[in-house]
């Protein structure tokens, strides 16, 4: 997964039940279970994660009498006839490029020349070669000496910590966290967030929630 341009915004489709709060959220419900999906809600590291992976914040409230099994493969995005199944953070393997932090050290080749005189009618000339580390650089804008972007390997700690937990959600319980999807097909405009409701006791599906989105 590599940095690949700016992603178009995903927003709830006209007529969807909007959810106030973070990002662009909409609500769906079935069989007593309420699911909220929020696009544009990512605020962790790296901030430009959406240029490589599409993070969707999912909130699940189990108002049924059935324990619900939460796993990434029970969630998907439907777009242009494709079904993009959610991935757990450890299923992601790639790189995102970000601006280096302040004080980023970068090796540089340098040459130094010095001359000195001693107290015994002597003089000397010295030549030195080195690879110093510059913690702060007045030529930060010059990519020849200083990298404008540095690679960050996925998943990051924030991606792991903020992921939707894989667990059984008992009646009356709720859980929230991010699901990670592949980037949508370039021309896709109508996008549906789909959640299968799976009985944790039997493994059978007893319902499903769909939430419509569009790409602006």
Foldseek 3Di string as FASTA:
>chain_A
DEQDDDDFFKAFDPPFAFDDDAAHKGWWDDQQKIKIKHFPRDDDPPPVCLRFKGKIKMKIFAQHQFWWWDDQQQKWKAWPNDTWTWDQQVVDWDKYKDFDDQQDWDWDKDKDKDKDDDPPRDIDIDIDIDTDIGRHDPVCVDCVRHPRIDIDTTDDPCSNVQAWDGDIAHNRGMTIGITITGDDPPPTFKMKMKGFTAGPVPRDTDDMIITIIGGD
